[in-house]
Amino acid sequence: MKEQVVCKTSDIQPGEMKETSFGRQEVLVCRTPDGNFYAFMNQCIHQGAPLDKGMICGATTDKSKPGSYDYCHEGEVIRCPWHGREFSIKNEGRMLANPSKKIPSFKVRVENENVIVYK
């Protein structure tokens, strides 16, 4: 399968994600606060957790202290539900703690309110 409509733009609000299918693969479609769409394999590279059961959040900065957290990249990070690993949506799904590792991603385009995933 080369491309497939996976949802409508109205199905995912900015800062949200949705599990869907691309052929026989489970895919996680994310929409960042700026309205852009991204798609990744819906499986953590650590132990295979379904990422759609996690959350989209931000990353803490070095200004953070115990009990007082400062965040950046709000709505641009996927957090795994099992072990809390975090991946940058806008940086090819790269792990924040180890950018050499990343979630497999798919290309995305929008046409007439359709979100299309393709290879």
PDB file of N, CA and C in Angstrom:
ATOM      1  N   MET A   1       0.838  -1.169   0.000  1.00  0.00           N
ATOM      2  CA  MET A   1       0.000   0.000   0.000  1.00  0.00           C
ATOM      3  C   MET A   1       0.888   1.238   0.000  1.00  0.00           C
ATOM      4  N   LYS A   2       0.631   2.142  -0.920  1.00  0.00           N
ATOM      5  CA  LYS A   2       1.470   3.326  -1.037  1.00  0.00           C
ATOM      6  C   LYS A   2       0.917   4.523  -0.288  1.00  0.00           C
ATOM      7  N   GLU A   3      -0.413   4.697  -0.282  1.00  0.00           N
ATOM      8  CA  GLU A   3      -1.009   5.808   0.446  1.00  0.00           C
ATOM      9  C   GLU A   3      -2.436   5.469   0.833  1.00  0.00           C
ATOM     10  N   GLN A   4      -2.906   6.145   1.893  1.00  0.00           N
ATOM     11  CA  GLN A   4      -4.245   5.844   2.392  1.00  0.00           C
ATOM     12  C   GLN A   4      -4.765   7.032   3.207  1.00  0.00           C
ATOM     13  N   VAL A   5      -6.038   7.359   3.010  1.00  0.00           N
ATOM     14  CA  VAL A   5      -6.691   8.337   3.869  1.00  0.00           C
ATOM     15  C   VAL A   5      -6.919   7.651   5.215  1.00  0.00           C
ATOM     16  N   VAL A   6      -6.398   8.247   6.301  1.00  0.00           N
ATOM     17  CA  VAL A   6      -6.497   7.619   7.616  1.00  0.00           C
ATOM     18  C   VAL A   6      -7.511   8.301   8.528  1.00  0.00           C
ATOM     19  N   CYS A   7      -7.838   9.578   8.231  1.00  0.00           N
ATOM     20  CA  CYS A   7      -8.836  10.298   9.013  1.00  0.00           C
ATOM     21  C   CYS A   7      -9.097  11.643   8.353  1.00  0.00           C
ATOM     22  N   LYS A   8     -10.005  12.387   8.933  1.00  0.00           N
ATOM     23  CA  LYS A   8     -10.283  13.767   8.514  1.00  0.00           C
ATOM     24  C   LYS A   8      -9.503  14.701   9.427  1.00  0.00           C
ATOM     25  N   THR A   9      -9.196  15.898   8.950  1.00  0.00           N
ATOM     26  CA  THR A   9      -8.469  16.855   9.790  1.00  0.00           C
ATOM     27  C   THR A   9      -9.268  17.170  11.048  1.00  0.00           C
ATOM     28  N   SER A  10     -10.582  17.177  10.964  1.00  0.00           N
ATOM     29  CA  SER A  10     -11.427  17.502  12.120  1.00  0.00           C
ATOM     30  C   SER A  10     -11.455  16.386  13.167  1.00  0.00           C
ATOM     31  N   ASP A  11     -10.932  15.198  12.831  1.00  0.00           N
ATOM     32  CA  ASP A  11     -10.906  14.076  13.787  1.00  0.00           C
ATOM     33  C   ASP A  11      -9.853  14.259  14.880  1.00  0.00           C
ATOM     34  N   ILE A  12      -8.850  15.097  14.621  1.00  0.00           N
ATOM     35  CA  ILE A  12      -7.750  15.278  15.576  1.00  0.00           C
ATOM     36  C   ILE A  12      -7.538  16.775  15.785  1.00  0.00           C
ATOM     37  N   GLN A  13      -7.755  17.219  16.989  1.00  0.00           N
ATOM     38  CA  GLN A  13      -7.531  18.626  17.321  1.00  0.00           C
ATOM     39  C   GLN A  13      -6.038  18.864  17.565  1.00  0.00           C
ATOM     40  N   PRO A  14      -5.556  20.112  17.421  1.00  0.00           N
ATOM     41  CA  PRO A  14      -4.146  20.402  17.722  1.00  0.00           C
ATOM     42  C   PRO A  14      -3.789  19.952  19.145  1.00  0.00           C
ATOM     43  N   GLY A  15      -2.649  19.274  19.270  1.00  0.00           N
ATOM     44  CA  GLY A  15      -2.197  18.760  20.558  1.00  0.00           C
ATOM     45  C   GLY A  15      -2.769  17.397  20.900  1.00  0.00           C
ATOM     46  N   GLU A  16      -3.432  16.748  19.935  1.00  0.00           N
ATOM     47  CA  GLU A  16      -4.015  15.432  20.168  1.00  0.00           C
ATOM     48  C   GLU A  16      -3.435  14.407  19.203  1.00  0.00           C
ATOM     49  N   MET A  17      -3.769  13.130  19.463  1.00  0.00           N
ATOM     50  CA  MET A  17      -3.311  12.031  18.608  1.00  0.00           C
ATOM     51  C   MET A  17      -4.438  11.024  18.440  1.00  0.00           C
ATOM     52  N   LYS A  18      -4.293  10.157  17.427  1.00  0.00           N
ATOM     53  CA  LYS A  18      -5.329   9.165  17.135  1.00  0.00           C
ATOM     54  C   LYS A  18      -4.675   7.926  16.567  1.00  0.00           C
ATOM     55  N   GLU A  19      -5.090   6.771  17.066  1.00  0.00           N
ATOM     56  CA  GLU A  19      -4.615   5.493  16.517  1.00  0.00           C
ATOM     57  C   GLU A  19      -5.479   5.167  15.301  1.00  0.00           C
ATOM     58  N   THR A  20      -4.822   4.727  14.241  1.00  0.00           N
ATOM     59  CA  THR A  20      -5.524   4.352  13.025  1.00  0.00           C
ATOM     60  C   THR A  20      -4.704   3.256  12.330  1.00  0.00           C
ATOM     61  N   SER A  21      -5.117   2.868  11.150  1.00  0.00           N
ATOM     62  CA  SER A  21      -4.398   1.826  10.404  1.00  0.00           C
ATOM     63  C   SER A  21      -3.929   2.352   9.068  1.00  0.00           C
ATOM     64  N   PHE A  22      -2.772   1.885   8.669  1.00  0.00           N
ATOM     65  CA  PHE A  22      -2.236   2.133   7.332  1.00  0.00           C
ATOM     66  C   PHE A  22      -1.936   0.757   6.770  1.00  0.00           C
ATOM     67  N   GLY A  23      -2.825   0.268   5.916  1.00  0.00           N
ATOM     68  CA  GLY A  23      -2.720  -1.127   5.490  1.00  0.00           C
ATOM     69  C   GLY A  23      -2.948  -1.999   6.707  1.00  0.00           C
ATOM     70  N   ARG A  24      -1.973  -2.871   7.005  1.00  0.00           N
ATOM     71  CA  ARG A  24      -2.097  -3.746   8.174  1.00  0.00           C
ATOM     72  C   ARG A  24      -1.304  -3.228   9.374  1.00  0.00           C
ATOM     73  N   GLN A  25      -0.730  -2.057   9.256  1.00  0.00           N
ATOM     74  CA  GLN A  25       0.078  -1.504  10.347  1.00  0.00           C
ATOM     75  C   GLN A  25      -0.750  -0.543  11.203  1.00  0.00           C
ATOM     76  N   GLU A  26      -0.549  -0.622  12.526  1.00  0.00           N
ATOM     77  CA  GLU A  26      -1.162   0.349  13.426  1.00  0.00           C
ATOM     78  C   GLU A  26      -0.308   1.606  13.404  1.00  0.00           C
ATOM     79  N   VAL A  27      -0.965   2.728  13.162  1.00  0.00           N
ATOM     80  CA  VAL A  27      -0.269   3.997  13.018  1.00  0.00           C
ATOM     81  C   VAL A  27      -0.836   4.998  14.020  1.00  0.00           C
ATOM     82  N   LEU A  28       0.036   5.835  14.557  1.00  0.00           N
ATOM     83  CA  LEU A  28      -0.360   6.916  15.444  1.00  0.00           C
ATOM     84  C   LEU A  28      -0.235   8.221  14.673  1.00  0.00           C
ATOM     85  N   VAL A  29      -1.362   8.906  14.476  1.00  0.00           N
ATOM     86  CA  VAL A  29      -1.354  10.198  13.799  1.00  0.00           C
ATOM     87  C   VAL A  29      -1.422  11.272  14.871  1.00  0.00           C
ATOM     88  N   CYS A  30      -0.482  12.205  14.837  1.00  0.00           N
ATOM     89  CA  CYS A  30      -0.403  13.283  15.824  1.00  0.00           C
ATOM     90  C   CYS A  30      -0.602  14.618  15.119  1.00  0.00           C
ATOM     91  N   ARG A  31      -1.242  15.538  15.832  1.00  0.00           N
ATOM     92  CA  ARG A  31      -1.387  16.901  15.326  1.00  0.00           C
ATOM     93  C   ARG A  31      -0.781  17.841  16.363  1.00  0.00           C
ATOM     94  N   THR A  32       0.256  18.558  15.967  1.00  0.00           N
ATOM     95  CA  THR A  32       0.941  19.467  16.887  1.00  0.00           C
ATOM     96  C   THR A  32       0.132  20.760  17.026  1.00  0.00           C
ATOM     97  N   PRO A  33       0.421  21.557  18.053  1.00  0.00           N
ATOM     98  CA  PRO A  33      -0.341  22.786  18.277  1.00  0.00           C
ATOM     99  C   PRO A  33      -0.363  23.749  17.082  1.00  0.00           C
ATOM    100  N   ASP A  34       0.658  23.694  16.219  1.00  0.00           N
ATOM    101  CA  ASP A  34       0.664  24.554  15.029  1.00  0.00           C
ATOM    102  C   ASP A  34      -0.230  24.017  13.914  1.00  0.00           C
ATOM    103  N   GLY A  35      -0.895  22.858  14.159  1.00  0.00           N
ATOM    104  CA  GLY A  35      -1.844  22.308  13.190  1.00  0.00           C
ATOM    105  C   GLY A  35      -1.265  21.295  12.227  1.00  0.00           C
ATOM    106  N   ASN A  36       0.044  21.050  12.279  1.00  0.00           N
ATOM    107  CA  ASN A  36       0.664  20.081  11.369  1.00  0.00           C
ATOM    108  C   ASN A  36       0.421  18.649  11.839  1.00  0.00           C
ATOM    109  N   PHE A  37       0.385  17.735  10.865  1.00  0.00           N
ATOM    110  CA  PHE A  37       0.143  16.313  11.137  1.00  0.00           C
ATOM    111  C   PHE A  37       1.418  15.506  10.944  1.00  0.00           C
ATOM    112  N   TYR A  38       1.578  14.471  11.785  1.00  0.00           N
ATOM    113  CA  TYR A  38       2.721  13.558  11.732  1.00  0.00           C
ATOM    114  C   TYR A  38       2.197  12.147  11.976  1.00  0.00           C
ATOM    115  N   ALA A  39       2.875  11.141  11.432  1.00  0.00           N
ATOM    116  CA  ALA A  39       2.433   9.753  11.631  1.00  0.00           C
ATOM    117  C   ALA A  39       3.626   8.866  11.971  1.00  0.00           C
ATOM    118  N   PHE A  40       3.391   7.987  12.958  1.00  0.00           N
ATOM    119  CA  PHE A  40       4.428   7.077  13.431  1.00  0.00           C
ATOM    120  C   PHE A  40       3.846   5.690  13.630  1.00  0.00           C
ATOM    121  N   MET A  41       4.713   4.685  13.651  1.00  0.00           N
ATOM    122  CA  MET A  41       4.277   3.358  14.031  1.00  0.00           C
ATOM    123  C   MET A  41       3.763   3.460  15.471  1.00  0.00           C
ATOM    124  N   ASN A  42       2.626   2.866  15.755  1.00  0.00           N
ATOM    125  CA  ASN A  42       1.996   2.972  17.077  1.00  0.00           C
ATOM    126  C   ASN A  42       2.579   1.942  18.032  1.00  0.00           C
ATOM    127  N   GLN A  43       3.905   1.989  18.188  1.00  0.00           N
ATOM    128  CA  GLN A  43       4.573   1.004  19.028  1.00  0.00           C
ATOM    129  C   GLN A  43       5.885   1.602  19.528  1.00  0.00           C
ATOM    130  N   CYS A  44       6.064   1.607  20.842  1.00  0.00           N
ATOM    131  CA  CYS A  44       7.307   2.115  21.403  1.00  0.00           C
ATOM    132  C   CYS A  44       8.462   1.197  21.004  1.00  0.00           C
ATOM    133  N   ILE A  45       9.598   1.794  20.707  1.00  0.00           N
ATOM    134  CA  ILE A  45      10.758   1.005  20.284  1.00  0.00           C
ATOM    135  C   ILE A  45      11.423   0.293  21.458  1.00  0.00           C
ATOM    136  N   HIS A  46      11.029   0.617  22.689  1.00  0.00           N
ATOM    137  CA  HIS A  46      11.624  -0.017  23.863  1.00  0.00           C
ATOM    138  C   HIS A  46      11.068  -1.416  24.077  1.00  0.00           C
ATOM    139  N   GLN A  47       9.761  -1.516  24.408  1.00  0.00           N
ATOM    140  CA  GLN A  47       9.167  -2.837  24.637  1.00  0.00           C
ATOM    141  C   GLN A  47       7.818  -3.006  23.952  1.00  0.00           C
ATOM    142  N   GLY A  48       7.549  -2.189  22.947  1.00  0.00           N
ATOM    143  CA  GLY A  48       6.358  -2.393  22.121  1.00  0.00           C
ATOM    144  C   GLY A  48       5.051  -1.839  22.657  1.00  0.00           C
ATOM    145  N   ALA A  49       5.101  -0.944  23.633  1.00  0.00           N
ATOM    146  CA  ALA A  49       3.867  -0.375  24.185  1.00  0.00           C
ATOM    147  C   ALA A  49       3.084   0.358  23.106  1.00  0.00           C
ATOM    148  N   PRO A  50       1.739   0.306  23.162  1.00  0.00           N
ATOM    149  CA  PRO A  50       0.925   1.067  22.218  1.00  0.00           C
ATOM    150  C   PRO A  50       0.983   2.554  22.587  1.00  0.00           C
ATOM    151  N   LEU A  51       1.608   3.352  21.743  1.00  0.00           N
ATOM    152  CA  LEU A  51       1.827   4.757  22.070  1.00  0.00           C
ATOM    153  C   LEU A  51       0.539   5.565  22.166  1.00  0.00           C
ATOM    154  N   ASP A  52      -0.525   5.109  21.517  1.00  0.00           N
ATOM    155  CA  ASP A  52      -1.790   5.849  21.615  1.00  0.00           C
ATOM    156  C   ASP A  52      -2.370   5.801  23.029  1.00  0.00           C
ATOM    157  N   LYS A  53      -1.883   4.890  23.868  1.00  0.00           N
ATOM    158  CA  LYS A  53      -2.329   4.815  25.263  1.00  0.00           C
ATOM    159  C   LYS A  53      -1.505   5.757  26.148  1.00  0.00           C
ATOM    160  N   GLY A  54      -0.477   6.377  25.571  1.00  0.00           N
ATOM    161  CA  GLY A  54       0.337   7.348  26.291  1.00  0.00           C
ATOM    162  C   GLY A  54      -0.283   8.726  26.173  1.00  0.00           C
ATOM    163  N   MET A  55       0.564   9.738  26.068  1.00  0.00           N
ATOM    164  CA  MET A  55       0.039  11.097  25.989  1.00  0.00           C
ATOM    165  C   MET A  55       0.952  11.987  25.163  1.00  0.00           C
ATOM    166  N   ILE A  56       0.357  13.083  24.670  1.00  0.00           N
ATOM    167  CA  ILE A  56       1.144  14.137  24.048  1.00  0.00           C
ATOM    168  C   ILE A  56       1.354  15.186  25.130  1.00  0.00           C
ATOM    169  N   CYS A  57       2.598  15.627  25.281  1.00  0.00           N
ATOM    170  CA  CYS A  57       2.921  16.561  26.357  1.00  0.00           C
ATOM    171  C   CYS A  57       4.067  17.454  25.900  1.00  0.00           C
ATOM    172  N   GLY A  58       4.751  18.070  26.859  1.00  0.00           N
ATOM    173  CA  GLY A  58       5.936  18.863  26.583  1.00  0.00           C
ATOM    174  C   GLY A  58       7.129  18.217  27.254  1.00  0.00           C
ATOM    175  N   ALA A  59       8.264  18.851  27.131  1.00  0.00           N
ATOM    176  CA  ALA A  59       9.491  18.356  27.758  1.00  0.00           C
ATOM    177  C   ALA A  59       9.907  19.345  28.847  1.00  0.00           C
ATOM    178  N   THR A  60      10.481  18.822  29.921  1.00  0.00           N
ATOM    179  CA  THR A  60      10.956  19.710  30.972  1.00  0.00           C
ATOM    180  C   THR A  60      12.264  20.368  30.544  1.00  0.00           C
ATOM    181  N   THR A  61      12.496  21.564  31.056  1.00  0.00           N
ATOM    182  CA  THR A  61      13.733  22.291  30.749  1.00  0.00           C
ATOM    183  C   THR A  61      14.686  22.197  31.938  1.00  0.00           C
ATOM    184  N   ASP A  62      15.908  22.700  31.766  1.00  0.00           N
ATOM    185  CA  ASP A  62      16.858  22.660  32.876  1.00  0.00           C
ATOM    186  C   ASP A  62      16.516  23.677  33.969  1.00  0.00           C
ATOM    187  N   LYS A  63      15.502  24.519  33.745  1.00  0.00           N
ATOM    188  CA  LYS A  63      15.032  25.436  34.790  1.00  0.00           C
ATOM    189  C   LYS A  63      14.166  24.697  35.816  1.00  0.00           C
ATOM    190  N   SER A  64      13.766  23.463  35.488  1.00  0.00           N
ATOM    191  CA  SER A  64      12.900  22.697  36.383  1.00  0.00           C
ATOM    192  C   SER A  64      13.626  22.307  37.659  1.00  0.00           C
ATOM    193  N   LYS A  65      12.873  22.345  38.761  1.00  0.00           N
ATOM    194  CA  LYS A  65      13.380  21.913  40.067  1.00  0.00           C
ATOM    195  C   LYS A  65      12.314  21.011  40.679  1.00  0.00           C
ATOM    196  N   PRO A  66      12.673  20.154  41.612  1.00  0.00           N
ATOM    197  CA  PRO A  66      11.666  19.295  42.237  1.00  0.00           C
ATOM    198  C   PRO A  66      10.467  20.115  42.730  1.00  0.00           C
ATOM    199  N   GLY A  67       9.283  19.745  42.263  1.00  0.00           N
ATOM    200  CA  GLY A  67       8.057  20.424  42.649  1.00  0.00           C
ATOM    201  C   GLY A  67       7.732  21.656  41.821  1.00  0.00           C
ATOM    202  N   SER A  68       8.649  22.090  40.972  1.00  0.00           N
ATOM    203  CA  SER A  68       8.421  23.255  40.119  1.00  0.00           C
ATOM    204  C   SER A  68       9.005  22.950  38.744  1.00  0.00           C
ATOM    205  N   TYR A  69       8.120  22.657  37.801  1.00  0.00           N
ATOM    206  CA  TYR A  69       8.567  22.213  36.492  1.00  0.00           C
ATOM    207  C   TYR A  69       8.341  23.270  35.426  1.00  0.00           C
ATOM    208  N   ASP A  70       9.310  23.450  34.579  1.00  0.00           N
ATOM    209  CA  ASP A  70       9.241  24.375  33.461  1.00  0.00           C
ATOM    210  C   ASP A  70       9.225  23.523  32.191  1.00  0.00           C
ATOM    211  N   TYR A  71       8.252  23.771  31.311  1.00  0.00           N
ATOM    212  CA  TYR A  71       8.098  22.946  30.108  1.00  0.00           C
ATOM    213  C   TYR A  71       8.366  23.733  28.839  1.00  0.00           C
ATOM    214  N   CYS A  72       8.811  23.017  27.828  1.00  0.00           N
ATOM    215  CA  CYS A  72       8.956  23.561  26.483  1.00  0.00           C
ATOM    216  C   CYS A  72       8.403  22.523  25.504  1.00  0.00           C
ATOM    217  N   HIS A  73       8.225  22.895  24.293  1.00  0.00           N
ATOM    218  CA  HIS A  73       7.723  21.991  23.243  1.00  0.00           C
ATOM    219  C   HIS A  73       6.388  21.347  23.640  1.00  0.00           C
ATOM    220  N   GLU A  74       5.539  22.110  24.323  1.00  0.00           N
ATOM    221  CA  GLU A  74       4.234  21.603  24.746  1.00  0.00           C
ATOM    222  C   GLU A  74       3.436  21.134  23.521  1.00  0.00           C
ATOM    223  N   GLY A  75       2.905  19.917  23.594  1.00  0.00           N
ATOM    224  CA  GLY A  75       2.131  19.357  22.492  1.00  0.00           C
ATOM    225  C   GLY A  75       2.974  18.784  21.366  1.00  0.00           C
ATOM    226  N   GLU A  76       4.281  18.650  21.602  1.00  0.00           N
ATOM    227  CA  GLU A  76       5.191  18.170  20.551  1.00  0.00           C
ATOM    228  C   GLU A  76       5.971  16.931  20.975  1.00  0.00           C
ATOM    229  N   VAL A  77       5.558  16.300  22.088  1.00  0.00           N
ATOM    230  CA  VAL A  77       6.275  15.141  22.607  1.00  0.00           C
ATOM    231  C   VAL A  77       5.283  14.006  22.872  1.00  0.00           C
ATOM    232  N   ILE A  78       5.623  12.797  22.412  1.00  0.00           N
ATOM    233  CA  ILE A  78       4.834  11.596  22.728  1.00  0.00           C
ATOM    234  C   ILE A  78       5.497  10.932  23.922  1.00  0.00           C
ATOM    235  N   ARG A  79       4.710  10.649  24.967  1.00  0.00           N
ATOM    236  CA  ARG A  79       5.244   9.944  26.137  1.00  0.00           C
ATOM    237  C   ARG A  79       4.670   8.534  26.164  1.00  0.00           C
ATOM    238  N   CYS A  80       5.549   7.544  26.215  1.00  0.00           N
ATOM    239  CA  CYS A  80       5.148   6.141  26.251  1.00  0.00           C
ATOM    240  C   CYS A  80       4.396   5.840  27.554  1.00  0.00           C
ATOM    241  N   PRO A  81       3.294   5.064  27.468  1.00  0.00           N
ATOM    242  CA  PRO A  81       2.509   4.777  28.667  1.00  0.00           C
ATOM    243  C   PRO A  81       3.166   3.804  29.635  1.00  0.00           C
ATOM    244  N   TRP A  82       4.106   3.002  29.183  1.00  0.00           N
ATOM    245  CA  TRP A  82       4.673   1.977  30.050  1.00  0.00           C
ATOM    246  C   TRP A  82       5.861   2.467  30.871  1.00  0.00           C
ATOM    247  N   HIS A  83       6.828   3.106  30.230  1.00  0.00           N
ATOM    248  CA  HIS A  83       8.051   3.479  30.939  1.00  0.00           C
ATOM    249  C   HIS A  83       8.399   4.952  30.802  1.00  0.00           C
ATOM    250  N   GLY A  84       7.512   5.735  30.223  1.00  0.00           N
ATOM    251  CA  GLY A  84       7.711   7.179  30.168  1.00  0.00           C
ATOM    252  C   GLY A  84       8.736   7.687  29.176  1.00  0.00           C
ATOM    253  N   ARG A  85       9.187   6.829  28.273  1.00  0.00           N
ATOM    254  CA  ARG A  85      10.131   7.320  27.259  1.00  0.00           C
ATOM    255  C   ARG A  85       9.434   8.391  26.431  1.00  0.00           C
ATOM    256  N   GLU A  86      10.199   9.415  26.043  1.00  0.00           N
ATOM    257  CA  GLU A  86       9.621  10.545  25.330  1.00  0.00           C
ATOM    258  C   GLU A  86      10.259  10.691  23.956  1.00  0.00           C
ATOM    259  N   PHE A  87       9.392  11.009  22.974  1.00  0.00           N
ATOM    260  CA  PHE A  87       9.820  11.110  21.583  1.00  0.00           C
ATOM    261  C   PHE A  87       9.337  12.437  20.998  1.00  0.00           C
ATOM    262  N   SER A  88      10.209  13.099  20.259  1.00  0.00           N
ATOM    263  CA  SER A  88       9.873  14.380  19.640  1.00  0.00           C
ATOM    264  C   SER A  88       9.063  14.163  18.362  1.00  0.00           C
ATOM    265  N   ILE A  89       7.857  14.699  18.351  1.00  0.00           N
ATOM    266  CA  ILE A  89       6.998  14.556  17.166  1.00  0.00           C
ATOM    267  C   ILE A  89       7.607  15.289  15.975  1.00  0.00           C
ATOM    268  N   LYS A  90       8.099  16.503  16.197  1.00  0.00           N
ATOM    269  CA  LYS A  90       8.592  17.335  15.098  1.00  0.00           C
ATOM    270  C   LYS A  90      10.010  16.974  14.655  1.00  0.00           C
ATOM    271  N   ASN A  91      10.699  16.140  15.428  1.00  0.00           N
ATOM    272  CA  ASN A  91      12.064  15.744  15.073  1.00  0.00           C
ATOM    273  C   ASN A  91      12.100  14.253  14.721  1.00  0.00           C
ATOM    274  N   GLU A  92      11.243  13.852  13.789  1.00  0.00           N
ATOM    275  CA  GLU A  92      11.236  12.496  13.232  1.00  0.00           C
ATOM    276  C   GLU A  92      10.981  11.402  14.255  1.00  0.00           C
ATOM    277  N   GLY A  93      10.345  11.722  15.382  1.00  0.00           N
ATOM    278  CA  GLY A  93      10.067  10.709  16.399  1.00  0.00           C
ATOM    279  C   GLY A  93      11.300  10.293  17.174  1.00  0.00           C
ATOM    280  N   ARG A  94      12.308  11.152  17.219  1.00  0.00           N
ATOM    281  CA  ARG A  94      13.548  10.820  17.932  1.00  0.00           C
ATOM    282  C   ARG A  94      13.340  10.863  19.442  1.00  0.00           C
ATOM    283  N   MET A  95      13.970   9.919  20.141  1.00  0.00           N
ATOM    284  CA  MET A  95      13.889   9.845  21.594  1.00  0.00           C
ATOM    285  C   MET A  95      14.612  11.065  22.182  1.00  0.00           C
ATOM    286  N   LEU A  96      13.983  11.741  23.129  1.00  0.00           N
ATOM    287  CA  LEU A  96      14.604  12.926  23.716  1.00  0.00           C
ATOM    288  C   LEU A  96      15.901  12.580  24.429  1.00  0.00           C
ATOM    289  N   ALA A  97      15.933  11.488  25.177  1.00  0.00           N
ATOM    290  CA  ALA A  97      17.116  11.111  25.952  1.00  0.00           C
ATOM    291  C   ALA A  97      18.228  10.511  25.085  1.00  0.00           C
ATOM    292  N   ASN A  98      17.880   9.998  23.910  1.00  0.00           N
ATOM    293  CA  ASN A  98      18.863   9.373  23.029  1.00  0.00           C
ATOM    294  C   ASN A  98      18.424   9.579  21.579  1.00  0.00           C
ATOM    295  N   PRO A  99      18.724  10.754  21.001  1.00  0.00           N
ATOM    296  CA  PRO A  99      18.235  11.106  19.658  1.00  0.00           C
ATOM    297  C   PRO A  99      18.672  10.179  18.526  1.00  0.00           C
ATOM    298  N   SER A 100      19.604   9.254  18.796  1.00  0.00           N
ATOM    299  CA  SER A 100      19.991   8.317  17.739  1.00  0.00           C
ATOM    300  C   SER A 100      18.920   7.242  17.545  1.00  0.00           C
ATOM    301  N   LYS A 101      17.986   7.132  18.499  1.00  0.00           N
ATOM    302  CA  LYS A 101      16.891   6.160  18.392  1.00  0.00           C
ATOM    303  C   LYS A 101      15.603   6.900  18.087  1.00  0.00           C
ATOM    304  N   LYS A 102      14.759   6.308  17.214  1.00  0.00           N
ATOM    305  CA  LYS A 102      13.501   6.967  16.871  1.00  0.00           C
ATOM    306  C   LYS A 102      12.424   5.958  16.513  1.00  0.00           C
ATOM    307  N   ILE A 103      11.186   6.422  16.616  1.00  0.00           N
ATOM    308  CA  ILE A 103      10.033   5.612  16.212  1.00  0.00           C
ATOM    309  C   ILE A 103       9.967   5.653  14.689  1.00  0.00           C
ATOM    310  N   PRO A 104       9.721   4.532  14.015  1.00  0.00           N
ATOM    311  CA  PRO A 104       9.540   4.579  12.563  1.00  0.00           C
ATOM    312  C   PRO A 104       8.384   5.524  12.212  1.00  0.00           C
ATOM    313  N   SER A 105       8.608   6.338  11.193  1.00  0.00           N
ATOM    314  CA  SER A 105       7.603   7.335  10.819  1.00  0.00           C
ATOM    315  C   SER A 105       7.118   7.129   9.393  1.00  0.00           C
ATOM    316  N   PHE A 106       6.025   7.817   9.089  1.00  0.00           N
ATOM    317  CA  PHE A 106       5.420   7.791   7.759  1.00  0.00           C
ATOM    318  C   PHE A 106       5.262   9.231   7.285  1.00  0.00           C
ATOM    319  N   LYS A 107       5.168   9.410   6.002  1.00  0.00           N
ATOM    320  CA  LYS A 107       4.920  10.735   5.441  1.00  0.00           C
ATOM    321  C   LYS A 107       3.418  11.021   5.539  1.00  0.00           C
ATOM    322  N   VAL A 108       3.088  12.297   5.660  1.00  0.00           N
ATOM    323  CA  VAL A 108       1.694  12.713   5.790  1.00  0.00           C
ATOM    324  C   VAL A 108       1.457  13.934   4.915  1.00  0.00           C
ATOM    325  N   ARG A 109       0.298  13.978   4.294  1.00  0.00           N
ATOM    326  CA  ARG A 109      -0.136  15.189   3.599  1.00  0.00           C
ATOM    327  C   ARG A 109      -1.635  15.353   3.808  1.00  0.00           C
ATOM    328  N   VAL A 110      -2.114  16.570   3.636  1.00  0.00           N
ATOM    329  CA  VAL A 110      -3.535  16.865   3.798  1.00  0.00           C
ATOM    330  C   VAL A 110      -4.069  17.347   2.462  1.00  0.00           C
ATOM    331  N   GLU A 111      -5.179  16.742   2.034  1.00  0.00           N
ATOM    332  CA  GLU A 111      -5.862  17.139   0.806  1.00  0.00           C
ATOM    333  C   GLU A 111      -7.348  17.187   1.084  1.00  0.00           C
ATOM    334  N   ASN A 112      -7.970  18.339   0.895  1.00  0.00           N
ATOM    335  CA  ASN A 112      -9.431  18.488   1.060  1.00  0.00           C
ATOM    336  C   ASN A 112      -9.922  17.902   2.372  1.00  0.00           C
ATOM    337  N   GLU A 113      -9.286  18.271   3.473  1.00  0.00           N
ATOM    338  CA  GLU A 113      -9.678  17.811   4.815  1.00  0.00           C
ATOM    339  C   GLU A 113      -9.346  16.340   5.081  1.00  0.00           C
ATOM    340  N   ASN A 114      -8.747  15.633   4.130  1.00  0.00           N
ATOM    341  CA  ASN A 114      -8.328  14.246   4.337  1.00  0.00           C
ATOM    342  C   ASN A 114      -6.869  14.205   4.777  1.00  0.00           C
ATOM    343  N   VAL A 115      -6.588  13.436   5.835  1.00  0.00           N
ATOM    344  CA  VAL A 115      -5.203  13.206   6.270  1.00  0.00           C
ATOM    345  C   VAL A 115      -4.752  11.918   5.595  1.00  0.00           C
ATOM    346  N   ILE A 116      -3.726  12.027   4.771  1.00  0.00           N
ATOM    347  CA  ILE A 116      -3.251  10.895   3.974  1.00  0.00           C
ATOM    348  C   ILE A 116      -1.855  10.487   4.446  1.00  0.00           C
ATOM    349  N   VAL A 117      -1.707   9.205   4.768  1.00  0.00           N
ATOM    350  CA  VAL A 117      -0.416   8.654   5.161  1.00  0.00           C
ATOM    351  C   VAL A 117       0.131   7.905   3.950  1.00  0.00           C
ATOM    352  N   TYR A 118       1.435   8.066   3.713  1.00  0.00           N
ATOM    353  CA  TYR A 118       2.069   7.369   2.587  1.00  0.00           C
ATOM    354  C   TYR A 118       3.514   7.087   2.923  1.00  0.00           C
ATOM    355  N   LYS A 119       4.125   6.214   2.111  1.00  0.00           N
ATOM    356  CA  LYS A 119       5.532   5.855   2.328  1.00  0.00           C
ATOM    357  C   LYS A 119       6.415   6.693   1.442  1.00  0.00           C
TER     358      LYS A 119
END
